[in-house]
Amino acid sequence: METAESSQILAGRWDIAGGVFRFIGVLVRDAVPGWAKWTIGGLLAFAVLWEAGKWLRGRRSTVR
């Protein structure tokens, strides 16, 4: 009988950074249609601006 050993490996320290750079590389190349690039880029820009706004609101509320 086989043991219930997991074959999954935990992500290393640089796996996330490598994945992000690979994702950006695919977006830059011509492998993805233009409409998809603009949609994904817009969503990412919105997420970055949203998080920056949350951070600024939190920072201002702790100062007062």
PDB file of N, CA and C in Angstrom:
ATOM      1  N   MET A   1       0.836  -1.173   0.000  1.00  0.00           N
ATOM      2  CA  MET A   1       0.000   0.000   0.000  1.00  0.00           C
ATOM      3  C   MET A   1       0.889   1.248   0.000  1.00  0.00           C
ATOM      4  N   GLU A   2       0.499   2.247  -0.772  1.00  0.00           N
ATOM      5  CA  GLU A   2       1.296   3.460  -0.885  1.00  0.00           C
ATOM      6  C   GLU A   2       1.029   4.385   0.299  1.00  0.00           C
ATOM      7  N   THR A   3       2.026   5.159   0.607  1.00  0.00           N
ATOM      8  CA  THR A   3       1.849   6.143   1.676  1.00  0.00           C
ATOM      9  C   THR A   3       1.181   7.391   1.113  1.00  0.00           C
ATOM     10  N   ALA A   4       0.641   8.193   1.973  1.00  0.00           N
ATOM     11  CA  ALA A   4      -0.065   9.411   1.570  1.00  0.00           C
ATOM     12  C   ALA A   4       0.905  10.588   1.494  1.00  0.00           C
ATOM     13  N   GLU A   5       2.057  10.358   0.896  1.00  0.00           N
ATOM     14  CA  GLU A   5       3.071  11.407   0.791  1.00  0.00           C
ATOM     15  C   GLU A   5       2.694  12.397  -0.304  1.00  0.00           C
ATOM     16  N   SER A   6       2.834  13.668  -0.015  1.00  0.00           N
ATOM     17  CA  SER A   6       2.499  14.709  -0.983  1.00  0.00           C
ATOM     18  C   SER A   6       3.654  14.893  -1.950  1.00  0.00           C
ATOM     19  N   SER A   7       3.329  15.038  -3.223  1.00  0.00           N
ATOM     20  CA  SER A   7       4.369  15.251  -4.224  1.00  0.00           C
ATOM     21  C   SER A   7       4.528  16.731  -4.548  1.00  0.00           C
ATOM     22  N   GLN A   8       3.855  17.587  -3.799  1.00  0.00           N
ATOM     23  CA  GLN A   8       3.948  19.017  -4.050  1.00  0.00           C
ATOM     24  C   GLN A   8       5.169  19.595  -3.345  1.00  0.00           C
ATOM     25  N   ILE A   9       5.763  20.592  -3.991  1.00  0.00           N
ATOM     26  CA  ILE A   9       6.936  21.255  -3.439  1.00  0.00           C
ATOM     27  C   ILE A   9       6.552  22.692  -3.110  1.00  0.00           C
ATOM     28  N   LEU A  10       6.975  23.166  -1.963  1.00  0.00           N
ATOM     29  CA  LEU A  10       6.693  24.545  -1.586  1.00  0.00           C
ATOM     30  C   LEU A  10       7.475  25.498  -2.479  1.00  0.00           C
ATOM     31  N   ALA A  11       6.897  26.652  -2.741  1.00  0.00           N
ATOM     32  CA  ALA A  11       7.551  27.648  -3.589  1.00  0.00           C
ATOM     33  C   ALA A  11       8.752  28.240  -2.867  1.00  0.00           C
ATOM     34  N   GLY A  12       9.813  28.443  -3.612  1.00  0.00           N
ATOM     35  CA  GLY A  12      11.010  29.056  -3.062  1.00  0.00           C
ATOM     36  C   GLY A  12      10.863  30.566  -2.983  1.00  0.00           C
ATOM     37  N   ARG A  13      11.898  31.178  -2.490  1.00  0.00           N
ATOM     38  CA  ARG A  13      11.874  32.622  -2.276  1.00  0.00           C
ATOM     39  C   ARG A  13      11.711  33.390  -3.580  1.00  0.00           C
ATOM     40  N   TRP A  14      12.342  32.949  -4.645  1.00  0.00           N
ATOM     41  CA  TRP A  14      12.358  33.701  -5.892  1.00  0.00           C
ATOM     42  C   TRP A  14      11.349  33.190  -6.904  1.00  0.00           C
ATOM     43  N   ASP A  15      10.547  32.201  -6.568  1.00  0.00           N
ATOM     44  CA  ASP A  15       9.573  31.660  -7.515  1.00  0.00           C
ATOM     45  C   ASP A  15       8.508  32.683  -7.894  1.00  0.00           C
ATOM     46  N   ILE A  16       8.054  33.464  -6.947  1.00  0.00           N
ATOM     47  CA  ILE A  16       7.017  34.457  -7.238  1.00  0.00           C
ATOM     48  C   ILE A  16       7.580  35.550  -8.142  1.00  0.00           C
ATOM     49  N   ALA A  17       8.780  36.029  -7.838  1.00  0.00           N
ATOM     50  CA  ALA A  17       9.397  37.064  -8.678  1.00  0.00           C
ATOM     51  C   ALA A  17       9.631  36.535 -10.085  1.00  0.00           C
ATOM     52  N   GLY A  18      10.090  35.305 -10.204  1.00  0.00           N
ATOM     53  CA  GLY A  18      10.293  34.715 -11.528  1.00  0.00           C
ATOM     54  C   GLY A  18       8.994  34.586 -12.290  1.00  0.00           C
ATOM     55  N   GLY A  19       7.936  34.210 -11.603  1.00  0.00           N
ATOM     56  CA  GLY A  19       6.628  34.101 -12.245  1.00  0.00           C
ATOM     57  C   GLY A  19       6.114  35.441 -12.726  1.00  0.00           C
ATOM     58  N   VAL A  20       6.334  36.475 -11.938  1.00  0.00           N
ATOM     59  CA  VAL A  20       5.902  37.818 -12.336  1.00  0.00           C
ATOM     60  C   VAL A  20       6.667  38.272 -13.572  1.00  0.00           C
ATOM     61  N   PHE A  21       7.980  38.043 -13.596  1.00  0.00           N
ATOM     62  CA  PHE A  21       8.774  38.450 -14.757  1.00  0.00           C
ATOM     63  C   PHE A  21       8.398  37.653 -16.000  1.00  0.00           C
ATOM     64  N   ARG A  22       8.097  36.362 -15.838  1.00  0.00           N
ATOM     65  CA  ARG A  22       7.638  35.569 -16.986  1.00  0.00           C
ATOM     66  C   ARG A  22       6.293  36.077 -17.491  1.00  0.00           C
ATOM     67  N   PHE A  23       5.403  36.438 -16.576  1.00  0.00           N
ATOM     68  CA  PHE A  23       4.089  36.967 -16.951  1.00  0.00           C
ATOM     69  C   PHE A  23       4.242  38.267 -17.735  1.00  0.00           C
ATOM     70  N   ILE A  24       5.106  39.160 -17.259  1.00  0.00           N
ATOM     71  CA  ILE A  24       5.346  40.422 -17.962  1.00  0.00           C
ATOM     72  C   ILE A  24       5.984  40.157 -19.320  1.00  0.00           C
ATOM     73  N   GLY A  25       6.890  39.192 -19.380  1.00  0.00           N
ATOM     74  CA  GLY A  25       7.522  38.855 -20.655  1.00  0.00           C
ATOM     75  C   GLY A  25       6.524  38.364 -21.682  1.00  0.00           C
ATOM     76  N   VAL A  26       5.554  37.576 -21.263  1.00  0.00           N
ATOM     77  CA  VAL A  26       4.519  37.099 -22.182  1.00  0.00           C
ATOM     78  C   VAL A  26       3.662  38.264 -22.651  1.00  0.00           C
ATOM     79  N   LEU A  27       3.364  39.200 -21.755  1.00  0.00           N
ATOM     80  CA  LEU A  27       2.567  40.362 -22.150  1.00  0.00           C
ATOM     81  C   LEU A  27       3.309  41.252 -23.143  1.00  0.00           C
ATOM     82  N   VAL A  28       4.622  41.361 -22.999  1.00  0.00           N
ATOM     83  CA  VAL A  28       5.403  42.229 -23.873  1.00  0.00           C
ATOM     84  C   VAL A  28       5.540  41.618 -25.267  1.00  0.00           C
ATOM     85  N   ARG A  29       5.713  40.303 -25.321  1.00  0.00           N
ATOM     86  CA  ARG A  29       5.844  39.651 -26.624  1.00  0.00           C
ATOM     87  C   ARG A  29       4.513  39.652 -27.355  1.00  0.00           C
ATOM     88  N   ASP A  30       4.542  39.209 -28.586  1.00  0.00           N
ATOM     89  CA  ASP A  30       3.339  39.194 -29.423  1.00  0.00           C
ATOM     90  C   ASP A  30       2.514  37.919 -29.259  1.00  0.00           C
ATOM     91  N   ALA A  31       2.732  37.172 -28.186  1.00  0.00           N
ATOM     92  CA  ALA A  31       1.999  35.924 -27.982  1.00  0.00           C
ATOM     93  C   ALA A  31       0.558  36.176 -27.534  1.00  0.00           C
ATOM     94  N   VAL A  32       0.294  37.356 -27.006  1.00  0.00           N
ATOM     95  CA  VAL A  32      -1.034  37.682 -26.482  1.00  0.00           C
ATOM     96  C   VAL A  32      -1.639  38.782 -27.355  1.00  0.00           C
ATOM     97  N   PRO A  33      -2.928  38.667 -27.716  1.00  0.00           N
ATOM     98  CA  PRO A  33      -3.560  39.723 -28.524  1.00  0.00           C
ATOM     99  C   PRO A  33      -3.586  41.067 -27.789  1.00  0.00           C
ATOM    100  N   GLY A  34      -3.670  42.129 -28.566  1.00  0.00           N
ATOM    101  CA  GLY A  34      -3.639  43.476 -27.998  1.00  0.00           C
ATOM    102  C   GLY A  34      -4.753  43.748 -27.017  1.00  0.00           C
ATOM    103  N   TRP A  35      -5.975  43.282 -27.321  1.00  0.00           N
ATOM    104  CA  TRP A  35      -7.099  43.544 -26.418  1.00  0.00           C
ATOM    105  C   TRP A  35      -6.868  42.887 -25.060  1.00  0.00           C
ATOM    106  N   ALA A  36      -6.222  41.718 -25.050  1.00  0.00           N
ATOM    107  CA  ALA A  36      -5.951  41.036 -23.782  1.00  0.00           C
ATOM    108  C   ALA A  36      -4.866  41.771 -22.998  1.00  0.00           C
ATOM    109  N   LYS A  37      -3.854  42.273 -23.718  1.00  0.00           N
ATOM    110  CA  LYS A  37      -2.798  43.036 -23.044  1.00  0.00           C
ATOM    111  C   LYS A  37      -3.369  44.274 -22.364  1.00  0.00           C
ATOM    112  N   TRP A  38      -4.228  45.005 -23.079  1.00  0.00           N
ATOM    113  CA  TRP A  38      -4.805  46.226 -22.513  1.00  0.00           C
ATOM    114  C   TRP A  38      -5.740  45.915 -21.348  1.00  0.00           C
ATOM    115  N   THR A  39      -6.490  44.826 -21.452  1.00  0.00           N
ATOM    116  CA  THR A  39      -7.394  44.445 -20.361  1.00  0.00           C
ATOM    117  C   THR A  39      -6.609  44.066 -19.111  1.00  0.00           C
ATOM    118  N   ILE A  40      -5.615  43.208 -19.278  1.00  0.00           N
ATOM    119  CA  ILE A  40      -4.811  42.771 -18.136  1.00  0.00           C
ATOM    120  C   ILE A  40      -4.021  43.942 -17.560  1.00  0.00           C
ATOM    121  N   GLY A  41      -3.440  44.760 -18.437  1.00  0.00           N
ATOM    122  CA  GLY A  41      -2.693  45.931 -17.970  1.00  0.00           C
ATOM    123  C   GLY A  41      -3.571  46.907 -17.210  1.00  0.00           C
ATOM    124  N   GLY A  42      -4.797  47.122 -17.706  1.00  0.00           N
ATOM    125  CA  GLY A  42      -5.723  48.011 -17.009  1.00  0.00           C
ATOM    126  C   GLY A  42      -6.121  47.479 -15.646  1.00  0.00           C
ATOM    127  N   LEU A  43      -6.367  46.181 -15.569  1.00  0.00           N
ATOM    128  CA  LEU A  43      -6.718  45.578 -14.281  1.00  0.00           C
ATOM    129  C   LEU A  43      -5.556  45.661 -13.292  1.00  0.00           C
ATOM    130  N   LEU A  44      -4.348  45.412 -13.782  1.00  0.00           N
ATOM    131  CA  LEU A  44      -3.180  45.510 -12.902  1.00  0.00           C
ATOM    132  C   LEU A  44      -2.957  46.945 -12.430  1.00  0.00           C
ATOM    133  N   ALA A  45      -3.108  47.903 -13.339  1.00  0.00           N
ATOM    134  CA  ALA A  45      -2.942  49.309 -12.954  1.00  0.00           C
ATOM    135  C   ALA A  45      -3.999  49.715 -11.931  1.00  0.00           C
ATOM    136  N   PHE A  46      -5.236  49.268 -12.132  1.00  0.00           N
ATOM    137  CA  PHE A  46      -6.299  49.569 -11.178  1.00  0.00           C
ATOM    138  C   PHE A  46      -5.976  48.981  -9.808  1.00  0.00           C
ATOM    139  N   ALA A  47      -5.487  47.738  -9.786  1.00  0.00           N
ATOM    140  CA  ALA A  47      -5.163  47.092  -8.512  1.00  0.00           C
ATOM    141  C   ALA A  47      -4.039  47.829  -7.795  1.00  0.00           C
ATOM    142  N   VAL A  48      -3.025  48.259  -8.541  1.00  0.00           N
ATOM    143  CA  VAL A  48      -1.912  48.987  -7.928  1.00  0.00           C
ATOM    144  C   VAL A  48      -2.392  50.321  -7.362  1.00  0.00           C
ATOM    145  N   LEU A  49      -3.195  51.048  -8.127  1.00  0.00           N
ATOM    146  CA  LEU A  49      -3.711  52.329  -7.642  1.00  0.00           C
ATOM    147  C   LEU A  49      -4.636  52.151  -6.444  1.00  0.00           C
ATOM    148  N   TRP A  50      -5.447  51.101  -6.461  1.00  0.00           N
ATOM    149  CA  TRP A  50      -6.350  50.821  -5.341  1.00  0.00           C
ATOM    150  C   TRP A  50      -5.552  50.547  -4.065  1.00  0.00           C
ATOM    151  N   GLU A  51      -4.529  49.697  -4.172  1.00  0.00           N
ATOM    152  CA  GLU A  51      -3.706  49.378  -3.002  1.00  0.00           C
ATOM    153  C   GLU A  51      -2.943  50.601  -2.511  1.00  0.00           C
ATOM    154  N   ALA A  52      -2.459  51.437  -3.430  1.00  0.00           N
ATOM    155  CA  ALA A  52      -1.764  52.661  -3.024  1.00  0.00           C
ATOM    156  C   ALA A  52      -2.721  53.597  -2.290  1.00  0.00           C
ATOM    157  N   GLY A  53      -3.959  53.697  -2.765  1.00  0.00           N
ATOM    158  CA  GLY A  53      -4.950  54.526  -2.086  1.00  0.00           C
ATOM    159  C   GLY A  53      -5.278  54.007  -0.699  1.00  0.00           C
ATOM    160  N   LYS A  54      -5.423  52.689  -0.566  1.00  0.00           N
ATOM    161  CA  LYS A  54      -5.675  52.102   0.758  1.00  0.00           C
ATOM    162  C   LYS A  54      -4.512  52.374   1.703  1.00  0.00           C
ATOM    163  N   TRP A  55      -3.305  52.243   1.192  1.00  0.00           N
ATOM    164  CA  TRP A  55      -2.122  52.471   2.014  1.00  0.00           C
ATOM    165  C   TRP A  55      -2.058  53.921   2.474  1.00  0.00           C
ATOM    166  N   LEU A  56      -2.324  54.858   1.550  1.00  0.00           N
ATOM    167  CA  LEU A  56      -2.296  56.276   1.916  1.00  0.00           C
ATOM    168  C   LEU A  56      -3.384  56.624   2.919  1.00  0.00           C
ATOM    169  N   ARG A  57      -4.597  56.088   2.730  1.00  0.00           N
ATOM    170  CA  ARG A  57      -5.673  56.347   3.692  1.00  0.00           C
ATOM    171  C   ARG A  57      -5.316  55.800   5.064  1.00  0.00           C
ATOM    172  N   GLY A  58      -4.743  54.613   5.102  1.00  0.00           N
ATOM    173  CA  GLY A  58      -4.336  54.036   6.379  1.00  0.00           C
ATOM    174  C   GLY A  58      -3.223  54.819   7.038  1.00  0.00           C
ATOM    175  N   ARG A  59      -2.321  55.314   6.238  1.00  0.00           N
ATOM    176  CA  ARG A  59      -1.210  56.089   6.778  1.00  0.00           C
ATOM    177  C   ARG A  59      -1.685  57.425   7.328  1.00  0.00           C
ATOM    178  N   ARG A  60      -2.611  58.061   6.628  1.00  0.00           N
ATOM    179  CA  ARG A  60      -3.133  59.345   7.099  1.00  0.00           C
ATOM    180  C   ARG A  60      -3.962  59.181   8.365  1.00  0.00           C
ATOM    181  N   SER A  61      -4.686  58.082   8.488  1.00  0.00           N
ATOM    182  CA  SER A  61      -5.533  57.895   9.665  1.00  0.00           C
ATOM    183  C   SER A  61      -4.703  57.611  10.915  1.00  0.00           C
ATOM    184  N   THR A  62      -3.526  57.025  10.775  1.00  0.00           N
ATOM    185  CA  THR A  62      -2.698  56.754  11.948  1.00  0.00           C
ATOM    186  C   THR A  62      -1.960  57.996  12.417  1.00  0.00           C
ATOM    187  N   VAL A  63      -1.771  58.978  11.536  1.00  0.00           N
ATOM    188  CA  VAL A  63      -1.065  60.205  11.910  1.00  0.00           C
ATOM    189  C   VAL A  63      -1.942  61.083  12.780  1.00  0.00           C
ATOM    190  N   ARG A  64      -3.221  61.145  12.489  1.00  0.00           N
ATOM    191  CA  ARG A  64      -4.130  62.041  13.216  1.00  0.00           C
ATOM    192  C   ARG A  64      -4.350  61.608  14.603  1.00  0.00           C
TER     193      ARG A  64
END
